[in-house]
PDBML (XML) file of the C-alpha atoms, coordinates in Angstrom:
<?xml version="1.0" encoding="UTF-8" ?>
<PDBx:datablock datablockName="MODEL"
   xmlns:PDBx="http://pdbml.pdb.org/schema/pdbx-v50.xsd"
   xmlns:xsi="http://www.w3.org/2001/XMLSchema-instance"
   xsi:schemaLocation="http://pdbml.pdb.org/schema/pdbx-v50.xsd pdbx-v50.xsd">
   <PDBx:atom_siteCategory>
      <PDBx:atom_site id="1">
         <PDBx:B_iso_or_equiv>0.00</PDBx:B_iso_or_equiv>
         <PDBx:Cartn_x>-14.543</PDBx:Cartn_x>
         <PDBx:Cartn_y>-103.281</PDBx:Cartn_y>
         <PDBx:Cartn_z>52.421</PDBx:Cartn_z>
         <PDBx:auth_asym_id>A</PDBx:auth_asym_id>
         <PDBx:auth_atom_id>CA</PDBx:auth_atom_id>
         <PDBx:auth_comp_id>ASP</PDBx:auth_comp_id>
         <PDBx:auth_seq_id>1</PDBx:auth_seq_id>
         <PDBx:group_PDB>ATOM</PDBx:group_PDB>
         <PDBx:label_alt_id xsi:nil="true" />
         <PDBx:label_asym_id>A</PDBx:label_asym_id>
         <PDBx:label_atom_id>CA</PDBx:label_atom_id>
         <PDBx:label_comp_id>ASP</PDBx:label_comp_id>
         <PDBx:label_entity_id>1</PDBx:label_entity_id>
         <PDBx:label_seq_id>1</PDBx:label_seq_id>
         <PDBx:occupancy>1.00</PDBx:occupancy>
         <PDBx:pdbx_PDB_model_num>1</PDBx:pdbx_PDB_model_num>
         <PDBx:type_symbol>C</PDBx:type_symbol>
      </PDBx:atom_site>
      <PDBx:atom_site id="2">
         <PDBx:B_iso_or_equiv>0.00</PDBx:B_iso_or_equiv>
         <PDBx:Cartn_x>-11.441</PDBx:Cartn_x>
         <PDBx:Cartn_y>-103.055</PDBx:Cartn_y>
         <PDBx:Cartn_z>51.963</PDBx:Cartn_z>
         <PDBx:auth_asym_id>A</PDBx:auth_asym_id>
         <PDBx:auth_atom_id>CA</PDBx:auth_atom_id>
         <PDBx:auth_comp_id>ASN</PDBx:auth_comp_id>
         <PDBx:auth_seq_id>2</PDBx:auth_seq_id>
         <PDBx:group_PDB>ATOM</PDBx:group_PDB>
         <PDBx:label_alt_id xsi:nil="true" />
         <PDBx:label_asym_id>A</PDBx:label_asym_id>
         <PDBx:label_atom_id>CA</PDBx:label_atom_id>
         <PDBx:label_comp_id>ASN</PDBx:label_comp_id>
         <PDBx:label_entity_id>1</PDBx:label_entity_id>
         <PDBx:label_seq_id>2</PDBx:label_seq_id>
         <PDBx:occupancy>1.00</PDBx:occupancy>
         <PDBx:pdbx_PDB_model_num>1</PDBx:pdbx_PDB_model_num>
         <PDBx:type_symbol>C</PDBx:type_symbol>
      </PDBx:atom_site>
      <PDBx:atom_site id="3">
         <PDBx:B_iso_or_equiv>0.00</PDBx:B_iso_or_equiv>
         <PDBx:Cartn_x>-8.165</PDBx:Cartn_x>
         <PDBx:Cartn_y>-100.502</PDBx:Cartn_y>
         <PDBx:Cartn_z>51.585</PDBx:Cartn_z>
         <PDBx:auth_asym_id>A</PDBx:auth_asym_id>
         <PDBx:auth_atom_id>CA</PDBx:auth_atom_id>
         <PDBx:auth_comp_id>GLU</PDBx:auth_comp_id>
         <PDBx:auth_seq_id>3</PDBx:auth_seq_id>
         <PDBx:group_PDB>ATOM</PDBx:group_PDB>
         <PDBx:label_alt_id xsi:nil="true" />
         <PDBx:label_asym_id>A</PDBx:label_asym_id>
         <PDBx:label_atom_id>CA</PDBx:label_atom_id>
         <PDBx:label_comp_id>GLU</PDBx:label_comp_id>
         <PDBx:label_entity_id>1</PDBx:label_entity_id>
         <PDBx:label_seq_id>3</PDBx:label_seq_id>
         <PDBx:occupancy>1.00</PDBx:occupancy>
         <PDBx:pdbx_PDB_model_num>1</PDBx:pdbx_PDB_model_num>
         <PDBx:type_symbol>C</PDBx:type_symbol>
      </PDBx:atom_site>
      <PDBx:atom_site id="4">
         <PDBx:B_iso_or_equiv>0.00</PDBx:B_iso_or_equiv>
         <PDBx:Cartn_x>-8.501</PDBx:Cartn_x>
         <PDBx:Cartn_y>-100.238</PDBx:Cartn_y>
         <PDBx:Cartn_z>47.592</PDBx:Cartn_z>
         <PDBx:auth_asym_id>A</PDBx:auth_asym_id>
         <PDBx:auth_atom_id>CA</PDBx:auth_atom_id>
         <PDBx:auth_comp_id>LEU</PDBx:auth_comp_id>
         <PDBx:auth_seq_id>4</PDBx:auth_seq_id>
         <PDBx:group_PDB>ATOM</PDBx:group_PDB>
         <PDBx:label_alt_id xsi:nil="true" />
         <PDBx:label_asym_id>A</PDBx:label_asym_id>
         <PDBx:label_atom_id>CA</PDBx:label_atom_id>
         <PDBx:label_comp_id>LEU</PDBx:label_comp_id>
         <PDBx:label_entity_id>1</PDBx:label_entity_id>
         <PDBx:label_seq_id>4</PDBx:label_seq_id>
         <PDBx:occupancy>1.00</PDBx:occupancy>
         <PDBx:pdbx_PDB_model_num>1</PDBx:pdbx_PDB_model_num>
         <PDBx:type_symbol>C</PDBx:type_symbol>
      </PDBx:atom_site>
      <PDBx:atom_site id="5">
         <PDBx:B_iso_or_equiv>0.00</PDBx:B_iso_or_equiv>
         <PDBx:Cartn_x>-12.029</PDBx:Cartn_x>
         <PDBx:Cartn_y>-99.426</PDBx:Cartn_y>
         <PDBx:Cartn_z>48.171</PDBx:Cartn_z>
         <PDBx:auth_asym_id>A</PDBx:auth_asym_id>
         <PDBx:auth_atom_id>CA</PDBx:auth_atom_id>
         <PDBx:auth_comp_id>GLN</PDBx:auth_comp_id>
         <PDBx:auth_seq_id>5</PDBx:auth_seq_id>
         <PDBx:group_PDB>ATOM</PDBx:group_PDB>
         <PDBx:label_alt_id xsi:nil="true" />
         <PDBx:label_asym_id>A</PDBx:label_asym_id>
         <PDBx:label_atom_id>CA</PDBx:label_atom_id>
         <PDBx:label_comp_id>GLN</PDBx:label_comp_id>
         <PDBx:label_entity_id>1</PDBx:label_entity_id>
         <PDBx:label_seq_id>5</PDBx:label_seq_id>
         <PDBx:occupancy>1.00</PDBx:occupancy>
         <PDBx:pdbx_PDB_model_num>1</PDBx:pdbx_PDB_model_num>
         <PDBx:type_symbol>C</PDBx:type_symbol>
      </PDBx:atom_site>
      <PDBx:atom_site id="6">
         <PDBx:B_iso_or_equiv>0.00</PDBx:B_iso_or_equiv>
         <PDBx:Cartn_x>-10.303</PDBx:Cartn_x>
         <PDBx:Cartn_y>-96.695</PDBx:Cartn_y>
         <PDBx:Cartn_z>50.406</PDBx:Cartn_z>
         <PDBx:auth_asym_id>A</PDBx:auth_asym_id>
         <PDBx:auth_atom_id>CA</PDBx:auth_atom_id>
         <PDBx:auth_comp_id>ALA</PDBx:auth_comp_id>
         <PDBx:auth_seq_id>6</PDBx:auth_seq_id>
         <PDBx:group_PDB>ATOM</PDBx:group_PDB>
         <PDBx:label_alt_id xsi:nil="true" />
         <PDBx:label_asym_id>A</PDBx:label_asym_id>
         <PDBx:label_atom_id>CA</PDBx:label_atom_id>
         <PDBx:label_comp_id>ALA</PDBx:label_comp_id>
         <PDBx:label_entity_id>1</PDBx:label_entity_id>
         <PDBx:label_seq_id>6</PDBx:label_seq_id>
         <PDBx:occupancy>1.00</PDBx:occupancy>
         <PDBx:pdbx_PDB_model_num>1</PDBx:pdbx_PDB_model_num>
         <PDBx:type_symbol>C</PDBx:type_symbol>
      </PDBx:atom_site>
      <PDBx:atom_site id="7">
         <PDBx:B_iso_or_equiv>0.00</PDBx:B_iso_or_equiv>
         <PDBx:Cartn_x>-6.937</PDBx:Cartn_x>
         <PDBx:Cartn_y>-95.535</PDBx:Cartn_y>
         <PDBx:Cartn_z>48.270</PDBx:Cartn_z>
         <PDBx:auth_asym_id>A</PDBx:auth_asym_id>
         <PDBx:auth_atom_id>CA</PDBx:auth_atom_id>
         <PDBx:auth_comp_id>ILE</PDBx:auth_comp_id>
         <PDBx:auth_seq_id>7</PDBx:auth_seq_id>
         <PDBx:group_PDB>ATOM</PDBx:group_PDB>
         <PDBx:label_alt_id xsi:nil="true" />
         <PDBx:label_asym_id>A</PDBx:label_asym_id>
         <PDBx:label_atom_id>CA</PDBx:label_atom_id>
         <PDBx:label_comp_id>ILE</PDBx:label_comp_id>
         <PDBx:label_entity_id>1</PDBx:label_entity_id>
         <PDBx:label_seq_id>7</PDBx:label_seq_id>
         <PDBx:occupancy>1.00</PDBx:occupancy>
         <PDBx:pdbx_PDB_model_num>1</PDBx:pdbx_PDB_model_num>
         <PDBx:type_symbol>C</PDBx:type_symbol>
      </PDBx:atom_site>
      <PDBx:atom_site id="8">
         <PDBx:B_iso_or_equiv>0.00</PDBx:B_iso_or_equiv>
         <PDBx:Cartn_x>-9.566</PDBx:Cartn_x>
         <PDBx:Cartn_y>-96.027</PDBx:Cartn_y>
         <PDBx:Cartn_z>44.921</PDBx:Cartn_z>
         <PDBx:auth_asym_id>A</PDBx:auth_asym_id>
         <PDBx:auth_atom_id>CA</PDBx:auth_atom_id>
         <PDBx:auth_comp_id>ASN</PDBx:auth_comp_id>
         <PDBx:auth_seq_id>8</PDBx:auth_seq_id>
         <PDBx:group_PDB>ATOM</PDBx:group_PDB>
         <PDBx:label_alt_id xsi:nil="true" />
         <PDBx:label_asym_id>A</PDBx:label_asym_id>
         <PDBx:label_atom_id>CA</PDBx:label_atom_id>
         <PDBx:label_comp_id>ASN</PDBx:label_comp_id>
         <PDBx:label_entity_id>1</PDBx:label_entity_id>
         <PDBx:label_seq_id>8</PDBx:label_seq_id>
         <PDBx:occupancy>1.00</PDBx:occupancy>
         <PDBx:pdbx_PDB_model_num>1</PDBx:pdbx_PDB_model_num>
         <PDBx:type_symbol>C</PDBx:type_symbol>
      </PDBx:atom_site>
      <PDBx:atom_site id="9">
         <PDBx:B_iso_or_equiv>0.00</PDBx:B_iso_or_equiv>
         <PDBx:Cartn_x>-11.850</PDBx:Cartn_x>
         <PDBx:Cartn_y>-92.797</PDBx:Cartn_y>
         <PDBx:Cartn_z>46.802</PDBx:Cartn_z>
         <PDBx:auth_asym_id>A</PDBx:auth_asym_id>
         <PDBx:auth_atom_id>CA</PDBx:auth_atom_id>
         <PDBx:auth_comp_id>ASP</PDBx:auth_comp_id>
         <PDBx:auth_seq_id>9</PDBx:auth_seq_id>
         <PDBx:group_PDB>ATOM</PDBx:group_PDB>
         <PDBx:label_alt_id xsi:nil="true" />
         <PDBx:label_asym_id>A</PDBx:label_asym_id>
         <PDBx:label_atom_id>CA</PDBx:label_atom_id>
         <PDBx:label_comp_id>ASP</PDBx:label_comp_id>
         <PDBx:label_entity_id>1</PDBx:label_entity_id>
         <PDBx:label_seq_id>9</PDBx:label_seq_id>
         <PDBx:occupancy>1.00</PDBx:occupancy>
         <PDBx:pdbx_PDB_model_num>1</PDBx:pdbx_PDB_model_num>
         <PDBx:type_symbol>C</PDBx:type_symbol>
      </PDBx:atom_site>
      <PDBx:atom_site id="10">
         <PDBx:B_iso_or_equiv>0.00</PDBx:B_iso_or_equiv>
         <PDBx:Cartn_x>-9.038</PDBx:Cartn_x>
         <PDBx:Cartn_y>-90.927</PDBx:Cartn_y>
         <PDBx:Cartn_z>48.272</PDBx:Cartn_z>
         <PDBx:auth_asym_id>A</PDBx:auth_asym_id>
         <PDBx:auth_atom_id>CA</PDBx:auth_atom_id>
         <PDBx:auth_comp_id>VAL</PDBx:auth_comp_id>
         <PDBx:auth_seq_id>10</PDBx:auth_seq_id>
         <PDBx:group_PDB>ATOM</PDBx:group_PDB>
         <PDBx:label_alt_id xsi:nil="true" />
         <PDBx:label_asym_id>A</PDBx:label_asym_id>
         <PDBx:label_atom_id>CA</PDBx:label_atom_id>
         <PDBx:label_comp_id>VAL</PDBx:label_comp_id>
         <PDBx:label_entity_id>1</PDBx:label_entity_id>
         <PDBx:label_seq_id>10</PDBx:label_seq_id>
         <PDBx:occupancy>1.00</PDBx:occupancy>
         <PDBx:pdbx_PDB_model_num>1</PDBx:pdbx_PDB_model_num>
         <PDBx:type_symbol>C</PDBx:type_symbol>
      </PDBx:atom_site>
      <PDBx:atom_site id="11">
         <PDBx:B_iso_or_equiv>0.00</PDBx:B_iso_or_equiv>
         <PDBx:Cartn_x>-7.710</PDBx:Cartn_x>
         <PDBx:Cartn_y>-90.706</PDBx:Cartn_y>
         <PDBx:Cartn_z>44.793</PDBx:Cartn_z>
         <PDBx:auth_asym_id>A</PDBx:auth_asym_id>
         <PDBx:auth_atom_id>CA</PDBx:auth_atom_id>
         <PDBx:auth_comp_id>LEU</PDBx:auth_comp_id>
         <PDBx:auth_seq_id>11</PDBx:auth_seq_id>
         <PDBx:group_PDB>ATOM</PDBx:group_PDB>
         <PDBx:label_alt_id xsi:nil="true" />
         <PDBx:label_asym_id>A</PDBx:label_asym_id>
         <PDBx:label_atom_id>CA</PDBx:label_atom_id>
         <PDBx:label_comp_id>LEU</PDBx:label_comp_id>
         <PDBx:label_entity_id>1</PDBx:label_entity_id>
         <PDBx:label_seq_id>11</PDBx:label_seq_id>
         <PDBx:occupancy>1.00</PDBx:occupancy>
         <PDBx:pdbx_PDB_model_num>1</PDBx:pdbx_PDB_model_num>
         <PDBx:type_symbol>C</PDBx:type_symbol>
      </PDBx:atom_site>
      <PDBx:atom_site id="12">
         <PDBx:B_iso_or_equiv>0.00</PDBx:B_iso_or_equiv>
         <PDBx:Cartn_x>-10.968</PDBx:Cartn_x>
         <PDBx:Cartn_y>-89.959</PDBx:Cartn_y>
         <PDBx:Cartn_z>43.141</PDBx:Cartn_z>
         <PDBx:auth_asym_id>A</PDBx:auth_asym_id>
         <PDBx:auth_atom_id>CA</PDBx:auth_atom_id>
         <PDBx:auth_comp_id>ARG</PDBx:auth_comp_id>
         <PDBx:auth_seq_id>12</PDBx:auth_seq_id>
         <PDBx:group_PDB>ATOM</PDBx:group_PDB>
         <PDBx:label_alt_id xsi:nil="true" />
         <PDBx:label_asym_id>A</PDBx:label_asym_id>
         <PDBx:label_atom_id>CA</PDBx:label_atom_id>
         <PDBx:label_comp_id>ARG</PDBx:label_comp_id>
         <PDBx:label_entity_id>1</PDBx:label_entity_id>
         <PDBx:label_seq_id>12</PDBx:label_seq_id>
         <PDBx:occupancy>1.00</PDBx:occupancy>
         <PDBx:pdbx_PDB_model_num>1</PDBx:pdbx_PDB_model_num>
         <PDBx:type_symbol>C</PDBx:type_symbol>
      </PDBx:atom_site>
      <PDBx:atom_site id="13">
         <PDBx:B_iso_or_equiv>0.00</PDBx:B_iso_or_equiv>
         <PDBx:Cartn_x>-12.008</PDBx:Cartn_x>
         <PDBx:Cartn_y>-87.103</PDBx:Cartn_y>
         <PDBx:Cartn_z>45.735</PDBx:Cartn_z>
         <PDBx:auth_asym_id>A</PDBx:auth_asym_id>
         <PDBx:auth_atom_id>CA</PDBx:auth_atom_id>
         <PDBx:auth_comp_id>LEU</PDBx:auth_comp_id>
         <PDBx:auth_seq_id>13</PDBx:auth_seq_id>
         <PDBx:group_PDB>ATOM</PDBx:group_PDB>
         <PDBx:label_alt_id xsi:nil="true" />
         <PDBx:label_asym_id>A</PDBx:label_asym_id>
         <PDBx:label_atom_id>CA</PDBx:label_atom_id>
         <PDBx:label_comp_id>LEU</PDBx:label_comp_id>
         <PDBx:label_entity_id>1</PDBx:label_entity_id>
         <PDBx:label_seq_id>13</PDBx:label_seq_id>
         <PDBx:occupancy>1.00</PDBx:occupancy>
         <PDBx:pdbx_PDB_model_num>1</PDBx:pdbx_PDB_model_num>
         <PDBx:type_symbol>C</PDBx:type_symbol>
      </PDBx:atom_site>
      <PDBx:atom_site id="14">
         <PDBx:B_iso_or_equiv>0.00</PDBx:B_iso_or_equiv>
         <PDBx:Cartn_x>-8.934</PDBx:Cartn_x>
         <PDBx:Cartn_y>-85.154</PDBx:Cartn_y>
         <PDBx:Cartn_z>45.871</PDBx:Cartn_z>
         <PDBx:auth_asym_id>A</PDBx:auth_asym_id>
         <PDBx:auth_atom_id>CA</PDBx:auth_atom_id>
         <PDBx:auth_comp_id>SER</PDBx:auth_comp_id>
         <PDBx:auth_seq_id>14</PDBx:auth_seq_id>
         <PDBx:group_PDB>ATOM</PDBx:group_PDB>
         <PDBx:label_alt_id xsi:nil="true" />
         <PDBx:label_asym_id>A</PDBx:label_asym_id>
         <PDBx:label_atom_id>CA</PDBx:label_atom_id>
         <PDBx:label_comp_id>SER</PDBx:label_comp_id>
         <PDBx:label_entity_id>1</PDBx:label_entity_id>
         <PDBx:label_seq_id>14</PDBx:label_seq_id>
         <PDBx:occupancy>1.00</PDBx:occupancy>
         <PDBx:pdbx_PDB_model_num>1</PDBx:pdbx_PDB_model_num>
         <PDBx:type_symbol>C</PDBx:type_symbol>
      </PDBx:atom_site>
      <PDBx:atom_site id="15">
         <PDBx:B_iso_or_equiv>0.00</PDBx:B_iso_or_equiv>
         <PDBx:Cartn_x>-9.112</PDBx:Cartn_x>
         <PDBx:Cartn_y>-84.376</PDBx:Cartn_y>
         <PDBx:Cartn_z>41.973</PDBx:Cartn_z>
         <PDBx:auth_asym_id>A</PDBx:auth_asym_id>
         <PDBx:auth_atom_id>CA</PDBx:auth_atom_id>
         <PDBx:auth_comp_id>ARG</PDBx:auth_comp_id>
         <PDBx:auth_seq_id>15</PDBx:auth_seq_id>
         <PDBx:group_PDB>ATOM</PDBx:group_PDB>
         <PDBx:label_alt_id xsi:nil="true" />
         <PDBx:label_asym_id>A</PDBx:label_asym_id>
         <PDBx:label_atom_id>CA</PDBx:label_atom_id>
         <PDBx:label_comp_id>ARG</PDBx:label_comp_id>
         <PDBx:label_entity_id>1</PDBx:label_entity_id>
         <PDBx:label_seq_id>15</PDBx:label_seq_id>
         <PDBx:occupancy>1.00</PDBx:occupancy>
         <PDBx:pdbx_PDB_model_num>1</PDBx:pdbx_PDB_model_num>
         <PDBx:type_symbol>C</PDBx:type_symbol>
      </PDBx:atom_site>
      <PDBx:atom_site id="16">
         <PDBx:B_iso_or_equiv>0.00</PDBx:B_iso_or_equiv>
         <PDBx:Cartn_x>-12.741</PDBx:Cartn_x>
         <PDBx:Cartn_y>-83.957</PDBx:Cartn_y>
         <PDBx:Cartn_z>42.766</PDBx:Cartn_z>
         <PDBx:auth_asym_id>A</PDBx:auth_asym_id>
         <PDBx:auth_atom_id>CA</PDBx:auth_atom_id>
         <PDBx:auth_comp_id>GLY</PDBx:auth_comp_id>
         <PDBx:auth_seq_id>16</PDBx:auth_seq_id>
         <PDBx:group_PDB>ATOM</PDBx:group_PDB>
         <PDBx:label_alt_id xsi:nil="true" />
         <PDBx:label_asym_id>A</PDBx:label_asym_id>
         <PDBx:label_atom_id>CA</PDBx:label_atom_id>
         <PDBx:label_comp_id>GLY</PDBx:label_comp_id>
         <PDBx:label_entity_id>1</PDBx:label_entity_id>
         <PDBx:label_seq_id>16</PDBx:label_seq_id>
         <PDBx:occupancy>1.00</PDBx:occupancy>
         <PDBx:pdbx_PDB_model_num>1</PDBx:pdbx_PDB_model_num>
         <PDBx:type_symbol>C</PDBx:type_symbol>
      </PDBx:atom_site>
      <PDBx:atom_site id="17">
         <PDBx:B_iso_or_equiv>0.00</PDBx:B_iso_or_equiv>
         <PDBx:Cartn_x>-11.508</PDBx:Cartn_x>
         <PDBx:Cartn_y>-81.200</PDBx:Cartn_y>
         <PDBx:Cartn_z>45.365</PDBx:Cartn_z>
         <PDBx:auth_asym_id>A</PDBx:auth_asym_id>
         <PDBx:auth_atom_id>CA</PDBx:auth_atom_id>
         <PDBx:auth_comp_id>MET</PDBx:auth_comp_id>
         <PDBx:auth_seq_id>17</PDBx:auth_seq_id>
         <PDBx:group_PDB>ATOM</PDBx:group_PDB>
         <PDBx:label_alt_id xsi:nil="true" />
         <PDBx:label_asym_id>A</PDBx:label_asym_id>
         <PDBx:label_atom_id>CA</PDBx:label_atom_id>
         <PDBx:label_comp_id>MET</PDBx:label_comp_id>
         <PDBx:label_entity_id>1</PDBx:label_entity_id>
         <PDBx:label_seq_id>17</PDBx:label_seq_id>
         <PDBx:occupancy>1.00</PDBx:occupancy>
         <PDBx:pdbx_PDB_model_num>1</PDBx:pdbx_PDB_model_num>
         <PDBx:type_symbol>C</PDBx:type_symbol>
      </PDBx:atom_site>
      <PDBx:atom_site id="18">
         <PDBx:B_iso_or_equiv>0.00</PDBx:B_iso_or_equiv>
         <PDBx:Cartn_x>-8.829</PDBx:Cartn_x>
         <PDBx:Cartn_y>-79.693</PDBx:Cartn_y>
         <PDBx:Cartn_z>42.625</PDBx:Cartn_z>
         <PDBx:auth_asym_id>A</PDBx:auth_asym_id>
         <PDBx:auth_atom_id>CA</PDBx:auth_atom_id>
         <PDBx:auth_comp_id>THR</PDBx:auth_comp_id>
         <PDBx:auth_seq_id>18</PDBx:auth_seq_id>
         <PDBx:group_PDB>ATOM</PDBx:group_PDB>
         <PDBx:label_alt_id xsi:nil="true" />
         <PDBx:label_asym_id>A</PDBx:label_asym_id>
         <PDBx:label_atom_id>CA</PDBx:label_atom_id>
         <PDBx:label_comp_id>THR</PDBx:label_comp_id>
         <PDBx:label_entity_id>1</PDBx:label_entity_id>
         <PDBx:label_seq_id>18</PDBx:label_seq_id>
         <PDBx:occupancy>1.00</PDBx:occupancy>
         <PDBx:pdbx_PDB_model_num>1</PDBx:pdbx_PDB_model_num>
         <PDBx:type_symbol>C</PDBx:type_symbol>
      </PDBx:atom_site>
      <PDBx:atom_site id="19">
         <PDBx:B_iso_or_equiv>0.00</PDBx:B_iso_or_equiv>
         <PDBx:Cartn_x>-10.938</PDBx:Cartn_x>
         <PDBx:Cartn_y>-79.402</PDBx:Cartn_y>
         <PDBx:Cartn_z>40.172</PDBx:Cartn_z>
         <PDBx:auth_asym_id>A</PDBx:auth_asym_id>
         <PDBx:auth_atom_id>CA</PDBx:auth_atom_id>
         <PDBx:auth_comp_id>TYR</PDBx:auth_comp_id>
         <PDBx:auth_seq_id>19</PDBx:auth_seq_id>
         <PDBx:group_PDB>ATOM</PDBx:group_PDB>
         <PDBx:label_alt_id xsi:nil="true" />
         <PDBx:label_asym_id>A</PDBx:label_asym_id>
         <PDBx:label_atom_id>CA</PDBx:label_atom_id>
         <PDBx:label_comp_id>TYR</PDBx:label_comp_id>
         <PDBx:label_entity_id>1</PDBx:label_entity_id>
         <PDBx:label_seq_id>19</PDBx:label_seq_id>
         <PDBx:occupancy>1.00</PDBx:occupancy>
         <PDBx:pdbx_PDB_model_num>1</PDBx:pdbx_PDB_model_num>
         <PDBx:type_symbol>C</PDBx:type_symbol>
      </PDBx:atom_site>
      <PDBx:atom_site id="20">
         <PDBx:B_iso_or_equiv>0.00</PDBx:B_iso_or_equiv>
         <PDBx:Cartn_x>-14.222</PDBx:Cartn_x>
         <PDBx:Cartn_y>-77.313</PDBx:Cartn_y>
         <PDBx:Cartn_z>42.593</PDBx:Cartn_z>
         <PDBx:auth_asym_id>A</PDBx:auth_asym_id>
         <PDBx:auth_atom_id>CA</PDBx:auth_atom_id>
         <PDBx:auth_comp_id>LYS</PDBx:auth_comp_id>
         <PDBx:auth_seq_id>20</PDBx:auth_seq_id>
         <PDBx:group_PDB>ATOM</PDBx:group_PDB>
         <PDBx:label_alt_id xsi:nil="true" />
         <PDBx:label_asym_id>A</PDBx:label_asym_id>
         <PDBx:label_atom_id>CA</PDBx:label_atom_id>
         <PDBx:label_comp_id>LYS</PDBx:label_comp_id>
         <PDBx:label_entity_id>1</PDBx:label_entity_id>
         <PDBx:label_seq_id>20</PDBx:label_seq_id>
         <PDBx:occupancy>1.00</PDBx:occupancy>
         <PDBx:pdbx_PDB_model_num>1</PDBx:pdbx_PDB_model_num>
         <PDBx:type_symbol>C</PDBx:type_symbol>
      </PDBx:atom_site>
      <PDBx:atom_site id="21">
         <PDBx:B_iso_or_equiv>0.00</PDBx:B_iso_or_equiv>
         <PDBx:Cartn_x>-11.417</PDBx:Cartn_x>
         <PDBx:Cartn_y>-75.362</PDBx:Cartn_y>
         <PDBx:Cartn_z>44.681</PDBx:Cartn_z>
         <PDBx:auth_asym_id>A</PDBx:auth_asym_id>
         <PDBx:auth_atom_id>CA</PDBx:auth_atom_id>
         <PDBx:auth_comp_id>ASN</PDBx:auth_comp_id>
         <PDBx:auth_seq_id>21</PDBx:auth_seq_id>
         <PDBx:group_PDB>ATOM</PDBx:group_PDB>
         <PDBx:label_alt_id xsi:nil="true" />
         <PDBx:label_asym_id>A</PDBx:label_asym_id>
         <PDBx:label_atom_id>CA</PDBx:label_atom_id>
         <PDBx:label_comp_id>ASN</PDBx:label_comp_id>
         <PDBx:label_entity_id>1</PDBx:label_entity_id>
         <PDBx:label_seq_id>21</PDBx:label_seq_id>
         <PDBx:occupancy>1.00</PDBx:occupancy>
         <PDBx:pdbx_PDB_model_num>1</PDBx:pdbx_PDB_model_num>
         <PDBx:type_symbol>C</PDBx:type_symbol>
      </PDBx:atom_site>
      <PDBx:atom_site id="22">
         <PDBx:B_iso_or_equiv>0.00</PDBx:B_iso_or_equiv>
         <PDBx:Cartn_x>-10.556</PDBx:Cartn_x>
         <PDBx:Cartn_y>-73.809</PDBx:Cartn_y>
         <PDBx:Cartn_z>40.604</PDBx:Cartn_z>
         <PDBx:auth_asym_id>A</PDBx:auth_asym_id>
         <PDBx:auth_atom_id>CA</PDBx:auth_atom_id>
         <PDBx:auth_comp_id>ALA</PDBx:auth_comp_id>
         <PDBx:auth_seq_id>22</PDBx:auth_seq_id>
         <PDBx:group_PDB>ATOM</PDBx:group_PDB>
         <PDBx:label_alt_id xsi:nil="true" />
         <PDBx:label_asym_id>A</PDBx:label_asym_id>
         <PDBx:label_atom_id>CA</PDBx:label_atom_id>
         <PDBx:label_comp_id>ALA</PDBx:label_comp_id>
         <PDBx:label_entity_id>1</PDBx:label_entity_id>
         <PDBx:label_seq_id>22</PDBx:label_seq_id>
         <PDBx:occupancy>1.00</PDBx:occupancy>
         <PDBx:pdbx_PDB_model_num>1</PDBx:pdbx_PDB_model_num>
         <PDBx:type_symbol>C</PDBx:type_symbol>
      </PDBx:atom_site>
      <PDBx:atom_site id="23">
         <PDBx:B_iso_or_equiv>0.00</PDBx:B_iso_or_equiv>
         <PDBx:Cartn_x>-13.535</PDBx:Cartn_x>
         <PDBx:Cartn_y>-73.660</PDBx:Cartn_y>
         <PDBx:Cartn_z>39.117</PDBx:Cartn_z>
         <PDBx:auth_asym_id>A</PDBx:auth_asym_id>
         <PDBx:auth_atom_id>CA</PDBx:auth_atom_id>
         <PDBx:auth_comp_id>VAL</PDBx:auth_comp_id>
         <PDBx:auth_seq_id>23</PDBx:auth_seq_id>
         <PDBx:group_PDB>ATOM</PDBx:group_PDB>
         <PDBx:label_alt_id xsi:nil="true" />
         <PDBx:label_asym_id>A</PDBx:label_asym_id>
         <PDBx:label_atom_id>CA</PDBx:label_atom_id>
         <PDBx:label_comp_id>VAL</PDBx:label_comp_id>
         <PDBx:label_entity_id>1</PDBx:label_entity_id>
         <PDBx:label_seq_id>23</PDBx:label_seq_id>
         <PDBx:occupancy>1.00</PDBx:occupancy>
         <PDBx:pdbx_PDB_model_num>1</PDBx:pdbx_PDB_model_num>
         <PDBx:type_symbol>C</PDBx:type_symbol>
      </PDBx:atom_site>
      <PDBx:atom_site id="24">
         <PDBx:B_iso_or_equiv>0.00</PDBx:B_iso_or_equiv>
         <PDBx:Cartn_x>-14.522</PDBx:Cartn_x>
         <PDBx:Cartn_y>-71.672</PDBx:Cartn_y>
         <PDBx:Cartn_z>42.714</PDBx:Cartn_z>
         <PDBx:auth_asym_id>A</PDBx:auth_asym_id>
         <PDBx:auth_atom_id>CA</PDBx:auth_atom_id>
         <PDBx:auth_comp_id>SER</PDBx:auth_comp_id>
         <PDBx:auth_seq_id>24</PDBx:auth_seq_id>
         <PDBx:group_PDB>ATOM</PDBx:group_PDB>
         <PDBx:label_alt_id xsi:nil="true" />
         <PDBx:label_asym_id>A</PDBx:label_asym_id>
         <PDBx:label_atom_id>CA</PDBx:label_atom_id>
         <PDBx:label_comp_id>SER</PDBx:label_comp_id>
         <PDBx:label_entity_id>1</PDBx:label_entity_id>
         <PDBx:label_seq_id>24</PDBx:label_seq_id>
         <PDBx:occupancy>1.00</PDBx:occupancy>
         <PDBx:pdbx_PDB_model_num>1</PDBx:pdbx_PDB_model_num>
         <PDBx:type_symbol>C</PDBx:type_symbol>
      </PDBx:atom_site>
      <PDBx:atom_site id="25">
         <PDBx:B_iso_or_equiv>0.00</PDBx:B_iso_or_equiv>
         <PDBx:Cartn_x>-12.118</PDBx:Cartn_x>
         <PDBx:Cartn_y>-68.695</PDBx:Cartn_y>
         <PDBx:Cartn_z>41.961</PDBx:Cartn_z>
         <PDBx:auth_asym_id>A</PDBx:auth_asym_id>
         <PDBx:auth_atom_id>CA</PDBx:auth_atom_id>
         <PDBx:auth_comp_id>GLY</PDBx:auth_comp_id>
         <PDBx:auth_seq_id>25</PDBx:auth_seq_id>
         <PDBx:group_PDB>ATOM</PDBx:group_PDB>
         <PDBx:label_alt_id xsi:nil="true" />
         <PDBx:label_asym_id>A</PDBx:label_asym_id>
         <PDBx:label_atom_id>CA</PDBx:label_atom_id>
         <PDBx:label_comp_id>GLY</PDBx:label_comp_id>
         <PDBx:label_entity_id>1</PDBx:label_entity_id>
         <PDBx:label_seq_id>25</PDBx:label_seq_id>
         <PDBx:occupancy>1.00</PDBx:occupancy>
         <PDBx:pdbx_PDB_model_num>1</PDBx:pdbx_PDB_model_num>
         <PDBx:type_symbol>C</PDBx:type_symbol>
      </PDBx:atom_site>
   </PDBx:atom_siteCategory>
</PDBx:datablock>
């Protein structure tokens, strides 16, 4: 809908990848 929504998405998603990759070994 707007750029702020995209920024929030990429911040949450990238943080999630840190945890995903870590817990997956």
